Amino acid sequence: MYQLVESLKIKNGIPQNLYYHQFRFNKARKDLFGFSDIIDLENIIFDFIEKAEIKNITDQYEICKCRILYSKQIDEIQIDKYIRRQVNSLKIIHNNEIEYNFKFANRTLLTELFSQKGDADDILIVKNGFITDTSYSNIALYDGNSWFTPNSYLLPGTQRHKLLEVGILKEIEVTEQKLFTYKKLRIINAMIDFDDCIDIEISNIIK
């Protein structure tokens, strides 16, 4: 049985981007297990936050991370303070076999690829010549006028989904060679908003 994880940002006690997390959660349960019933993440998360030991955490820290482990049903919920990793450089890693179209709890291959980062802070995975994701985020690319995101992504991230839907990002084919024509790269995921501006200079991407 596959186990998946849905990671959400809790800001000032309020879950962020719930619509997009609910959409991905529903889709994974239907596609992998054939379930069409709706488990209401909003009610479940708020009920969990109201537990005294959890409310102490969400009251103490402005930003917390919520991890929902699930398969057919929810197996476990975890909430803790969020500590953002510093990422200023990326190492390009090639792997043509990787598949991560669902957010599986098992990240063995991603961890193995991450271990090849050398002196860089994280990796940027290239699959069959096309740019995908870092080890833990989708990416956006700036050409000096507009922001784009690769159509060869690995994980359909919730932040990516939202930014495409509202028109901030445009999806485009990005080869490894084309990557180096952009001005900068921005990291995005459930915990890192586009407006957090976690940018990496293209010159800090190591071949």
N, C-alpha and C. Protein backbone atom coordinates (compact mmCIF):
# COMPACT_ATOMS: atom_id res chain seq x y z
N MET A 1 0.84 -1.19 0.00
CA MET A 1 0.00 0.00 0.00
C MET A 1 0.88 1.25 0.00
N TYR A 2 0.64 2.14 -0.96
CA TYR A 2 1.36 3.40 -1.01
C TYR A 2 0.95 4.29 0.16
N GLN A 3 1.92 5.00 0.71
CA GLN A 3 1.58 6.05 1.66
C GLN A 3 2.01 7.38 1.05
N LEU A 4 1.13 8.35 1.12
CA LEU A 4 1.39 9.67 0.57
C LEU A 4 1.42 10.69 1.69
N VAL A 5 1.88 11.89 1.33
CA VAL A 5 1.92 12.97 2.31
C VAL A 5 1.42 14.25 1.66
N GLU A 6 0.62 14.99 2.38
CA GLU A 6 0.19 16.31 1.94
C GLU A 6 0.75 17.30 2.95
N SER A 7 1.60 18.21 2.47
CA SER A 7 2.25 19.19 3.35
C SER A 7 1.61 20.56 3.13
N LEU A 8 1.19 21.18 4.23
CA LEU A 8 0.52 22.47 4.15
C LEU A 8 1.21 23.48 5.05
N LYS A 9 1.11 24.73 4.66
CA LYS A 9 1.55 25.83 5.52
C LYS A 9 0.41 26.24 6.44
N ILE A 10 0.73 26.38 7.72
CA ILE A 10 -0.20 26.95 8.69
C ILE A 10 0.35 28.31 9.07
N LYS A 11 -0.37 29.37 8.78
CA LYS A 11 0.08 30.73 9.09
C LYS A 11 -0.89 31.36 10.07
N ASN A 12 -0.35 31.73 11.23
CA ASN A 12 -1.19 32.30 12.30
C ASN A 12 -2.40 31.41 12.60
N GLY A 13 -2.15 30.12 12.60
CA GLY A 13 -3.20 29.15 12.93
C GLY A 13 -4.15 28.81 11.80
N ILE A 14 -3.94 29.36 10.60
CA ILE A 14 -4.86 29.15 9.47
C ILE A 14 -4.15 28.37 8.35
N PRO A 15 -4.71 27.24 7.92
CA PRO A 15 -4.13 26.49 6.80
C PRO A 15 -4.21 27.32 5.51
N GLN A 16 -3.14 27.32 4.72
CA GLN A 16 -3.06 28.12 3.50
C GLN A 16 -3.32 27.26 2.26
N ASN A 17 -3.95 27.88 1.26
CA ASN A 17 -4.17 27.24 -0.05
C ASN A 17 -4.89 25.89 0.06
N LEU A 18 -5.87 25.84 0.95
CA LEU A 18 -6.56 24.57 1.20
C LEU A 18 -7.24 24.01 -0.06
N TYR A 19 -7.76 24.88 -0.89
CA TYR A 19 -8.45 24.41 -2.10
C TYR A 19 -7.53 23.52 -2.94
N TYR A 20 -6.29 23.96 -3.11
CA TYR A 20 -5.35 23.24 -3.98
C TYR A 20 -4.84 21.96 -3.31
N HIS A 21 -4.70 21.98 -1.99
CA HIS A 21 -4.32 20.76 -1.28
C HIS A 21 -5.46 19.74 -1.33
N GLN A 22 -6.69 20.21 -1.13
CA GLN A 22 -7.84 19.32 -1.20
C GLN A 22 -7.96 18.69 -2.58
N PHE A 23 -7.72 19.49 -3.61
CA PHE A 23 -7.79 19.00 -4.99
C PHE A 23 -6.76 17.88 -5.20
N ARG A 24 -5.50 18.10 -4.79
CA ARG A 24 -4.46 17.09 -4.99
C ARG A 24 -4.72 15.84 -4.15
N PHE A 25 -5.17 16.04 -2.92
CA PHE A 25 -5.50 14.93 -2.02
C PHE A 25 -6.61 14.06 -2.63
N ASN A 26 -7.67 14.70 -3.10
CA ASN A 26 -8.78 13.95 -3.71
C ASN A 26 -8.31 13.18 -4.95
N LYS A 27 -7.52 13.83 -5.78
CA LYS A 27 -7.06 13.23 -7.03
C LYS A 27 -6.17 12.01 -6.76
N ALA A 28 -5.28 12.13 -5.78
CA ALA A 28 -4.39 11.02 -5.46
C ALA A 28 -5.19 9.82 -4.94
N ARG A 29 -6.14 10.05 -4.07
CA ARG A 29 -6.95 8.95 -3.52
C ARG A 29 -7.78 8.28 -4.62
N LYS A 30 -8.26 9.08 -5.56
CA LYS A 30 -9.05 8.51 -6.65
C LYS A 30 -8.17 7.76 -7.65
N ASP A 31 -7.07 8.38 -8.06
CA ASP A 31 -6.22 7.79 -9.09
C ASP A 31 -5.49 6.54 -8.59
N LEU A 32 -5.04 6.55 -7.33
CA LEU A 32 -4.26 5.42 -6.82
C LEU A 32 -5.11 4.33 -6.18
N PHE A 33 -6.21 4.72 -5.52
CA PHE A 33 -6.98 3.76 -4.75
C PHE A 33 -8.43 3.60 -5.21
N GLY A 34 -8.86 4.46 -6.14
CA GLY A 34 -10.21 4.34 -6.68
C GLY A 34 -11.29 4.93 -5.79
N PHE A 35 -10.93 5.78 -4.83
CA PHE A 35 -11.91 6.35 -3.91
C PHE A 35 -12.40 7.71 -4.41
N SER A 36 -13.72 7.89 -4.43
CA SER A 36 -14.30 9.15 -4.86
C SER A 36 -14.93 9.92 -3.70
N ASP A 37 -14.95 9.33 -2.50
CA ASP A 37 -15.52 10.03 -1.35
C ASP A 37 -14.60 11.19 -0.97
N ILE A 38 -15.17 12.20 -0.38
CA ILE A 38 -14.42 13.41 -0.02
C ILE A 38 -14.13 13.40 1.48
N ILE A 39 -12.85 13.45 1.82
CA ILE A 39 -12.43 13.67 3.20
C ILE A 39 -12.13 15.16 3.34
N ASP A 40 -12.85 15.83 4.20
CA ASP A 40 -12.75 17.29 4.32
C ASP A 40 -11.51 17.66 5.12
N LEU A 41 -10.46 18.07 4.43
CA LEU A 41 -9.20 18.41 5.10
C LEU A 41 -9.36 19.60 6.04
N GLU A 42 -10.17 20.57 5.65
CA GLU A 42 -10.31 21.78 6.46
C GLU A 42 -10.80 21.45 7.86
N ASN A 43 -11.89 20.68 7.95
CA ASN A 43 -12.44 20.34 9.26
C ASN A 43 -11.47 19.49 10.07
N ILE A 44 -10.82 18.56 9.40
CA ILE A 44 -9.88 17.66 10.09
C ILE A 44 -8.70 18.44 10.65
N ILE A 45 -8.16 19.36 9.85
CA ILE A 45 -7.00 20.14 10.30
C ILE A 45 -7.37 21.07 11.45
N PHE A 46 -8.52 21.75 11.31
CA PHE A 46 -8.92 22.67 12.39
C PHE A 46 -9.22 21.92 13.68
N ASP A 47 -9.82 20.74 13.57
CA ASP A 47 -10.06 19.92 14.77
C ASP A 47 -8.74 19.52 15.43
N PHE A 48 -7.76 19.20 14.60
CA PHE A 48 -6.45 18.79 15.12
C PHE A 48 -5.75 19.97 15.78
N ILE A 49 -5.83 21.14 15.16
CA ILE A 49 -5.18 22.33 15.71
C ILE A 49 -5.75 22.69 17.09
N GLU A 50 -7.03 22.38 17.32
CA GLU A 50 -7.67 22.74 18.58
C GLU A 50 -7.19 21.90 19.76
N LYS A 51 -6.46 20.82 19.47
CA LYS A 51 -5.89 20.04 20.57
C LYS A 51 -4.88 20.93 21.30
N ALA A 52 -4.89 20.88 22.62
CA ALA A 52 -4.12 21.82 23.41
C ALA A 52 -2.63 21.82 23.06
N GLU A 53 -2.03 20.63 22.92
CA GLU A 53 -0.59 20.57 22.66
C GLU A 53 -0.24 21.11 21.28
N ILE A 54 -1.17 20.99 20.33
CA ILE A 54 -0.95 21.51 18.97
C ILE A 54 -1.21 23.00 18.94
N LYS A 55 -2.26 23.45 19.62
CA LYS A 55 -2.57 24.89 19.65
C LYS A 55 -1.43 25.68 20.26
N ASN A 56 -0.72 25.10 21.21
CA ASN A 56 0.45 25.76 21.79
C ASN A 56 1.50 26.05 20.72
N ILE A 57 1.65 25.10 19.79
CA ILE A 57 2.63 25.26 18.71
C ILE A 57 2.17 26.34 17.73
N THR A 58 0.93 26.26 17.27
CA THR A 58 0.45 27.21 16.26
C THR A 58 0.29 28.62 16.84
N ASP A 59 0.07 28.71 18.15
CA ASP A 59 0.00 30.03 18.79
C ASP A 59 1.40 30.64 18.96
N GLN A 60 2.39 29.78 19.15
CA GLN A 60 3.75 30.25 19.43
C GLN A 60 4.50 30.66 18.17
N TYR A 61 4.23 29.96 17.06
CA TYR A 61 4.98 30.19 15.83
C TYR A 61 4.05 30.68 14.72
N GLU A 62 4.46 31.74 14.05
CA GLU A 62 3.63 32.30 12.97
C GLU A 62 3.46 31.30 11.83
N ILE A 63 4.56 30.63 11.46
CA ILE A 63 4.53 29.66 10.36
C ILE A 63 4.81 28.27 10.90
N CYS A 64 3.88 27.36 10.64
CA CYS A 64 4.06 25.95 11.00
C CYS A 64 3.84 25.09 9.77
N LYS A 65 4.35 23.88 9.85
CA LYS A 65 4.17 22.92 8.76
C LYS A 65 3.28 21.79 9.22
N CYS A 66 2.26 21.52 8.43
CA CYS A 66 1.33 20.42 8.70
C CYS A 66 1.59 19.31 7.69
N ARG A 67 1.84 18.10 8.18
CA ARG A 67 2.04 16.93 7.31
C ARG A 67 0.91 15.95 7.56
N ILE A 68 0.19 15.64 6.49
CA ILE A 68 -0.90 14.66 6.56
C ILE A 68 -0.43 13.41 5.84
N LEU A 69 -0.23 12.34 6.57
CA LEU A 69 0.16 11.05 5.99
C LEU A 69 -1.12 10.25 5.74
N TYR A 70 -1.23 9.72 4.53
CA TYR A 70 -2.48 9.04 4.18
C TYR A 70 -2.27 7.99 3.10
N SER A 71 -3.24 7.11 3.01
CA SER A 71 -3.35 6.17 1.89
C SER A 71 -4.83 6.15 1.51
N LYS A 72 -5.54 5.10 1.88
CA LYS A 72 -6.98 5.13 1.62
C LYS A 72 -7.68 6.12 2.55
N GLN A 73 -7.16 6.21 3.77
CA GLN A 73 -7.67 7.15 4.76
C GLN A 73 -6.48 7.90 5.35
N ILE A 74 -6.75 8.87 6.19
CA ILE A 74 -5.68 9.60 6.86
C ILE A 74 -5.09 8.72 7.96
N ASP A 75 -3.77 8.55 7.90
CA ASP A 75 -3.08 7.72 8.89
C ASP A 75 -2.55 8.54 10.06
N GLU A 76 -2.07 9.74 9.79
CA GLU A 76 -1.45 10.54 10.84
C GLU A 76 -1.39 12.00 10.42
N ILE A 77 -1.49 12.90 11.39
CA ILE A 77 -1.30 14.34 11.14
C ILE A 77 -0.22 14.83 12.09
N GLN A 78 0.70 15.62 11.53
CA GLN A 78 1.78 16.20 12.34
C GLN A 78 1.80 17.71 12.08
N ILE A 79 2.01 18.49 13.12
CA ILE A 79 2.20 19.94 12.97
C ILE A 79 3.38 20.34 13.84
N ASP A 80 4.29 21.09 13.24
CA ASP A 80 5.45 21.58 13.98
C ASP A 80 5.89 22.90 13.40
N LYS A 81 6.75 23.61 14.15
CA LYS A 81 7.28 24.87 13.63
C LYS A 81 8.05 24.60 12.35
N TYR A 82 8.06 25.58 11.47
CA TYR A 82 8.73 25.45 10.18
C TYR A 82 10.03 26.21 10.18
N ILE A 83 11.09 25.53 9.78
CA ILE A 83 12.40 26.15 9.63
C ILE A 83 12.80 26.03 8.17
N ARG A 84 12.93 27.17 7.51
CA ARG A 84 13.26 27.16 6.07
C ARG A 84 14.75 26.93 5.86
N ARG A 85 15.05 26.04 4.94
CA ARG A 85 16.45 25.82 4.57
C ARG A 85 16.95 26.96 3.70
N GLN A 86 18.20 27.29 3.84
CA GLN A 86 18.82 28.30 2.98
C GLN A 86 19.30 27.62 1.69
N VAL A 87 18.83 28.13 0.57
CA VAL A 87 19.23 27.57 -0.73
C VAL A 87 19.70 28.72 -1.62
N ASN A 88 20.97 28.73 -1.90
CA ASN A 88 21.56 29.77 -2.75
C ASN A 88 22.19 29.21 -4.01
N SER A 89 22.32 27.88 -4.08
CA SER A 89 22.95 27.27 -5.25
C SER A 89 22.33 25.90 -5.52
N LEU A 90 22.39 25.49 -6.78
CA LEU A 90 21.82 24.22 -7.22
C LEU A 90 22.84 23.46 -8.07
N LYS A 91 22.83 22.14 -7.93
CA LYS A 91 23.66 21.28 -8.76
C LYS A 91 22.75 20.50 -9.70
N ILE A 92 23.02 20.55 -11.00
CA ILE A 92 22.22 19.81 -11.97
C ILE A 92 22.55 18.32 -11.87
N ILE A 93 21.51 17.53 -11.70
CA ILE A 93 21.63 16.08 -11.61
C ILE A 93 20.73 15.46 -12.68
N HIS A 94 21.28 14.53 -13.46
CA HIS A 94 20.53 13.87 -14.52
C HIS A 94 19.98 12.53 -14.04
N ASN A 95 18.71 12.32 -14.27
CA ASN A 95 18.10 11.02 -14.00
C ASN A 95 16.86 10.88 -14.88
N ASN A 96 16.87 9.87 -15.73
CA ASN A 96 15.78 9.71 -16.70
C ASN A 96 14.70 8.74 -16.22
N GLU A 97 14.88 8.14 -15.05
CA GLU A 97 13.91 7.16 -14.56
C GLU A 97 12.97 7.71 -13.50
N ILE A 98 13.32 8.82 -12.92
CA ILE A 98 12.55 9.31 -11.77
C ILE A 98 11.10 9.63 -12.13
N GLU A 99 10.18 9.19 -11.25
CA GLU A 99 8.76 9.50 -11.35
C GLU A 99 8.30 9.97 -9.97
N TYR A 100 7.63 11.10 -9.90
CA TYR A 100 7.14 11.60 -8.61
C TYR A 100 5.88 12.43 -8.84
N ASN A 101 4.97 11.87 -9.66
CA ASN A 101 3.76 12.61 -9.99
C ASN A 101 2.72 12.60 -8.87
N PHE A 102 2.97 11.74 -7.86
CA PHE A 102 2.19 11.79 -6.62
C PHE A 102 3.18 12.05 -5.48
N LYS A 103 2.71 12.73 -4.44
CA LYS A 103 3.60 13.10 -3.33
C LYS A 103 3.73 11.93 -2.36
N PHE A 104 4.53 10.96 -2.74
CA PHE A 104 4.73 9.77 -1.92
C PHE A 104 5.57 10.11 -0.69
N ALA A 105 5.25 9.45 0.42
CA ALA A 105 6.05 9.62 1.63
C ALA A 105 7.45 9.04 1.44
N ASN A 106 7.56 8.00 0.62
CA ASN A 106 8.86 7.39 0.33
C ASN A 106 9.62 8.26 -0.68
N ARG A 107 10.70 8.88 -0.20
CA ARG A 107 11.51 9.77 -1.05
C ARG A 107 12.91 9.20 -1.27
N THR A 108 13.03 7.88 -1.30
CA THR A 108 14.34 7.24 -1.36
C THR A 108 15.17 7.72 -2.54
N LEU A 109 14.59 7.73 -3.74
CA LEU A 109 15.36 8.15 -4.92
C LEU A 109 15.72 9.63 -4.84
N LEU A 110 14.79 10.47 -4.41
CA LEU A 110 15.08 11.90 -4.27
C LEU A 110 16.21 12.13 -3.26
N THR A 111 16.19 11.37 -2.17
CA THR A 111 17.25 11.49 -1.17
C THR A 111 18.59 11.05 -1.74
N GLU A 112 18.57 9.99 -2.52
CA GLU A 112 19.80 9.51 -3.17
C GLU A 112 20.35 10.55 -4.13
N LEU A 113 19.48 11.16 -4.92
CA LEU A 113 19.92 12.20 -5.86
C LEU A 113 20.43 13.43 -5.10
N PHE A 114 19.75 13.78 -4.02
CA PHE A 114 20.16 14.93 -3.21
C PHE A 114 21.57 14.74 -2.66
N SER A 115 21.92 13.51 -2.36
CA SER A 115 23.25 13.23 -1.79
C SER A 115 24.37 13.51 -2.79
N GLN A 116 24.02 13.74 -4.06
CA GLN A 116 25.01 14.02 -5.09
C GLN A 116 25.21 15.53 -5.31
N LYS A 117 24.71 16.36 -4.42
CA LYS A 117 24.72 17.81 -4.62
C LYS A 117 26.10 18.44 -4.46
N GLY A 118 27.05 17.71 -3.87
CA GLY A 118 28.37 18.28 -3.67
C GLY A 118 28.32 19.50 -2.78
N ASP A 119 28.93 20.60 -3.21
CA ASP A 119 28.98 21.83 -2.42
C ASP A 119 27.74 22.70 -2.60
N ALA A 120 26.85 22.31 -3.49
CA ALA A 120 25.62 23.09 -3.71
C ALA A 120 24.64 22.86 -2.56
N ASP A 121 23.65 23.74 -2.45
CA ASP A 121 22.66 23.63 -1.38
C ASP A 121 21.55 22.63 -1.71
N ASP A 122 21.28 22.43 -2.99
CA ASP A 122 20.22 21.51 -3.41
C ASP A 122 20.53 21.08 -4.83
N ILE A 123 19.67 20.26 -5.37
CA ILE A 123 19.83 19.76 -6.74
C ILE A 123 18.72 20.29 -7.63
N LEU A 124 18.99 20.30 -8.93
CA LEU A 124 17.98 20.59 -9.95
C LEU A 124 17.99 19.41 -10.90
N ILE A 125 16.88 18.70 -10.97
CA ILE A 125 16.84 17.43 -11.68
C ILE A 125 16.49 17.64 -13.15
N VAL A 126 17.30 17.03 -14.01
CA VAL A 126 17.07 17.04 -15.46
C VAL A 126 16.67 15.63 -15.88
N LYS A 127 15.53 15.52 -16.54
CA LYS A 127 15.04 14.22 -17.01
C LYS A 127 14.87 14.26 -18.52
N ASN A 128 15.58 13.38 -19.20
CA ASN A 128 15.53 13.31 -20.67
C ASN A 128 15.80 14.67 -21.32
N GLY A 129 16.71 15.42 -20.72
CA GLY A 129 17.12 16.69 -21.29
C GLY A 129 16.29 17.89 -20.88
N PHE A 130 15.24 17.66 -20.06
CA PHE A 130 14.33 18.74 -19.68
C PHE A 130 14.41 19.02 -18.18
N ILE A 131 14.29 20.31 -17.84
CA ILE A 131 14.33 20.74 -16.45
C ILE A 131 13.04 20.32 -15.74
N THR A 132 13.19 19.81 -14.52
CA THR A 132 12.02 19.39 -13.75
C THR A 132 11.90 20.23 -12.46
N ASP A 133 12.30 19.65 -11.33
CA ASP A 133 12.16 20.28 -10.02
C ASP A 133 13.47 20.20 -9.25
N THR A 134 13.52 20.89 -8.11
CA THR A 134 14.59 20.64 -7.15
C THR A 134 14.18 19.41 -6.33
N SER A 135 14.93 19.10 -5.29
CA SER A 135 14.59 17.92 -4.49
C SER A 135 13.32 18.12 -3.68
N TYR A 136 12.90 19.37 -3.49
CA TYR A 136 11.74 19.60 -2.63
C TYR A 136 10.83 20.72 -3.13
N SER A 137 11.02 21.19 -4.35
CA SER A 137 10.19 22.31 -4.80
C SER A 137 10.05 22.32 -6.31
N ASN A 138 8.98 22.95 -6.75
CA ASN A 138 8.87 23.35 -8.15
C ASN A 138 9.69 24.61 -8.34
N ILE A 139 9.85 25.02 -9.59
CA ILE A 139 10.63 26.23 -9.85
C ILE A 139 9.88 27.16 -10.79
N ALA A 140 10.24 28.43 -10.71
CA ALA A 140 9.80 29.45 -11.66
C ALA A 140 11.05 30.09 -12.25
N LEU A 141 10.96 30.53 -13.49
CA LEU A 141 12.10 31.12 -14.20
C LEU A 141 11.71 32.48 -14.75
N TYR A 142 12.60 33.45 -14.58
CA TYR A 142 12.34 34.82 -15.00
C TYR A 142 13.24 35.18 -16.17
N ASP A 143 12.62 35.71 -17.25
CA ASP A 143 13.40 36.05 -18.44
C ASP A 143 13.67 37.56 -18.55
N GLY A 144 13.32 38.32 -17.52
CA GLY A 144 13.46 39.77 -17.54
C GLY A 144 12.14 40.49 -17.72
N ASN A 145 11.13 39.75 -18.18
CA ASN A 145 9.79 40.33 -18.37
C ASN A 145 8.69 39.51 -17.72
N SER A 146 8.79 38.19 -17.84
CA SER A 146 7.71 37.30 -17.38
C SER A 146 8.29 36.11 -16.63
N TRP A 147 7.39 35.44 -15.89
CA TRP A 147 7.76 34.25 -15.13
C TRP A 147 7.18 33.01 -15.80
N PHE A 148 7.99 31.96 -15.85
CA PHE A 148 7.60 30.70 -16.48
C PHE A 148 7.90 29.54 -15.55
N THR A 149 7.28 28.40 -15.83
CA THR A 149 7.58 27.18 -15.08
C THR A 149 7.64 26.01 -16.07
N PRO A 150 8.56 25.07 -15.87
CA PRO A 150 8.70 23.97 -16.83
C PRO A 150 7.46 23.09 -16.91
N ASN A 151 7.12 22.67 -18.14
CA ASN A 151 6.01 21.73 -18.29
C ASN A 151 6.45 20.29 -18.05
N SER A 152 7.73 20.12 -17.74
CA SER A 152 8.30 18.79 -17.47
C SER A 152 8.52 18.57 -15.97
N TYR A 153 7.73 19.27 -15.14
CA TYR A 153 7.80 19.12 -13.69
C TYR A 153 7.62 17.67 -13.25
N LEU A 154 8.10 17.34 -12.07
CA LEU A 154 7.88 16.01 -11.50
C LEU A 154 6.59 15.97 -10.69
N LEU A 155 6.47 16.87 -9.73
CA LEU A 155 5.31 16.89 -8.83
C LEU A 155 4.37 18.04 -9.17
N PRO A 156 3.08 17.76 -9.28
CA PRO A 156 2.11 18.85 -9.47
C PRO A 156 1.90 19.60 -8.16
N GLY A 157 2.77 20.55 -7.87
CA GLY A 157 2.73 21.27 -6.61
C GLY A 157 1.52 22.18 -6.49
N THR A 158 1.07 22.38 -5.26
CA THR A 158 -0.12 23.20 -5.02
C THR A 158 0.15 24.68 -5.29
N GLN A 159 1.34 25.16 -4.93
CA GLN A 159 1.68 26.56 -5.19
C GLN A 159 1.79 26.80 -6.70
N ARG A 160 2.41 25.86 -7.38
CA ARG A 160 2.53 25.93 -8.84
C ARG A 160 1.14 25.97 -9.50
N HIS A 161 0.26 25.09 -9.04
CA HIS A 161 -1.11 25.01 -9.55
C HIS A 161 -1.80 26.37 -9.41
N LYS A 162 -1.69 26.95 -8.23
CA LYS A 162 -2.34 28.25 -7.97
C LYS A 162 -1.77 29.36 -8.85
N LEU A 163 -0.45 29.42 -8.96
CA LEU A 163 0.20 30.48 -9.73
C LEU A 163 -0.11 30.38 -11.23
N LEU A 164 -0.27 29.16 -11.72
CA LEU A 164 -0.69 28.98 -13.11
C LEU A 164 -2.14 29.43 -13.28
N GLU A 165 -2.98 29.07 -12.33
CA GLU A 165 -4.41 29.37 -12.43
C GLU A 165 -4.67 30.87 -12.41
N VAL A 166 -3.90 31.61 -11.61
CA VAL A 166 -4.13 33.05 -11.51
C VAL A 166 -3.31 33.84 -12.54
N GLY A 167 -2.50 33.14 -13.34
CA GLY A 167 -1.80 33.79 -14.44
C GLY A 167 -0.46 34.40 -14.12
N ILE A 168 0.07 34.14 -12.92
CA ILE A 168 1.39 34.67 -12.58
C ILE A 168 2.48 33.90 -13.32
N LEU A 169 2.27 32.59 -13.47
CA LEU A 169 3.20 31.75 -14.22
C LEU A 169 2.59 31.28 -15.53
N LYS A 170 3.46 31.05 -16.49
CA LYS A 170 3.08 30.41 -17.74
C LYS A 170 3.91 29.14 -17.89
N GLU A 171 3.27 28.07 -18.32
CA GLU A 171 3.96 26.80 -18.49
C GLU A 171 4.66 26.76 -19.84
N ILE A 172 5.90 26.26 -19.84
CA ILE A 172 6.69 26.28 -21.06
C ILE A 172 7.69 25.13 -21.03
N GLU A 173 8.13 24.69 -22.20
CA GLU A 173 9.18 23.67 -22.30
C GLU A 173 10.53 24.31 -21.99
N VAL A 174 11.29 23.70 -21.07
CA VAL A 174 12.59 24.24 -20.69
C VAL A 174 13.63 23.13 -20.76
N THR A 175 14.51 23.20 -21.74
CA THR A 175 15.62 22.26 -21.84
C THR A 175 16.75 22.71 -20.92
N GLU A 176 17.68 21.80 -20.69
CA GLU A 176 18.84 22.17 -19.88
C GLU A 176 19.59 23.34 -20.50
N GLN A 177 19.73 23.33 -21.81
CA GLN A 177 20.44 24.41 -22.50
C GLN A 177 19.68 25.73 -22.36
N LYS A 178 18.34 25.68 -22.50
CA LYS A 178 17.54 26.90 -22.43
C LYS A 178 17.55 27.50 -21.03
N LEU A 179 17.73 26.67 -20.01
CA LEU A 179 17.74 27.15 -18.63
C LEU A 179 18.68 28.33 -18.46
N PHE A 180 19.82 28.27 -19.11
CA PHE A 180 20.87 29.26 -18.88
C PHE A 180 20.64 30.57 -19.65
N THR A 181 19.49 30.66 -20.33
CA THR A 181 19.13 31.93 -20.98
C THR A 181 18.27 32.79 -20.06
N TYR A 182 17.82 32.24 -18.93
CA TYR A 182 16.97 33.00 -18.00
C TYR A 182 17.82 33.83 -17.05
N LYS A 183 17.18 34.81 -16.42
CA LYS A 183 17.87 35.72 -15.50
C LYS A 183 18.03 35.12 -14.11
N LYS A 184 16.96 34.47 -13.63
CA LYS A 184 17.02 33.88 -12.29
C LYS A 184 15.95 32.80 -12.14
N LEU A 185 16.13 32.02 -11.09
CA LEU A 185 15.23 30.91 -10.77
C LEU A 185 14.63 31.18 -9.39
N ARG A 186 13.35 30.90 -9.24
CA ARG A 186 12.67 31.10 -7.95
C ARG A 186 12.09 29.77 -7.48
N ILE A 187 12.31 29.47 -6.22
CA ILE A 187 11.80 28.24 -5.61
C ILE A 187 10.39 28.47 -5.09
N ILE A 188 9.50 27.51 -5.37
CA ILE A 188 8.12 27.59 -4.87
C ILE A 188 7.67 26.21 -4.39
N ASN A 189 6.99 26.20 -3.28
CA ASN A 189 6.32 24.98 -2.82
C ASN A 189 5.24 25.38 -1.81
N ALA A 190 4.66 24.40 -1.15
CA ALA A 190 3.55 24.69 -0.24
C ALA A 190 3.96 25.60 0.91
N MET A 191 5.24 25.54 1.28
CA MET A 191 5.73 26.34 2.40
C MET A 191 6.38 27.64 1.95
N ILE A 192 6.71 27.75 0.67
CA ILE A 192 7.41 28.92 0.15
C ILE A 192 6.54 29.59 -0.91
N ASP A 193 5.98 30.73 -0.57
CA ASP A 193 5.13 31.48 -1.48
C ASP A 193 5.98 32.16 -2.57
N PHE A 194 5.35 32.44 -3.68
CA PHE A 194 6.03 33.16 -4.75
C PHE A 194 6.58 34.49 -4.25
N ASP A 195 5.79 35.18 -3.41
CA ASP A 195 6.18 36.50 -2.91
C ASP A 195 7.27 36.44 -1.84
N ASP A 196 7.66 35.25 -1.42
CA ASP A 196 8.80 35.13 -0.52
C ASP A 196 10.12 35.41 -1.25
N CYS A 197 10.06 35.32 -2.58
CA CYS A 197 11.21 35.68 -3.44
C CYS A 197 12.48 34.92 -3.07
N ILE A 198 12.38 33.60 -2.99
CA ILE A 198 13.56 32.77 -2.75
C ILE A 198 14.20 32.50 -4.11
N ASP A 199 15.08 33.42 -4.49
CA ASP A 199 15.65 33.43 -5.84
C ASP A 199 17.08 32.90 -5.84
N ILE A 200 17.43 32.26 -6.94
CA ILE A 200 18.78 31.75 -7.16
C ILE A 200 19.27 32.32 -8.49
N GLU A 201 20.42 32.94 -8.47
CA GLU A 201 21.00 33.44 -9.70
C GLU A 201 21.38 32.27 -10.60
N ILE A 202 21.14 32.42 -11.88
CA ILE A 202 21.44 31.35 -12.83
C ILE A 202 22.93 30.98 -12.77
N SER A 203 23.77 31.94 -12.48
CA SER A 203 25.20 31.67 -12.38
C SER A 203 25.52 30.76 -11.18
N ASN A 204 24.57 30.58 -10.26
CA ASN A 204 24.77 29.70 -9.12
C ASN A 204 24.18 28.31 -9.34
N ILE A 205 23.88 28.00 -10.60
CA ILE A 205 23.45 26.65 -10.96
C ILE A 205 24.64 25.95 -11.59
N ILE A 206 25.06 24.87 -10.95
CA ILE A 206 26.30 24.18 -11.32
C ILE A 206 26.00 23.00 -12.24
N LYS A 207 26.67 22.95 -13.36
CA LYS A 207 26.48 21.84 -14.30
C LYS A 207 27.21 20.58 -13.79
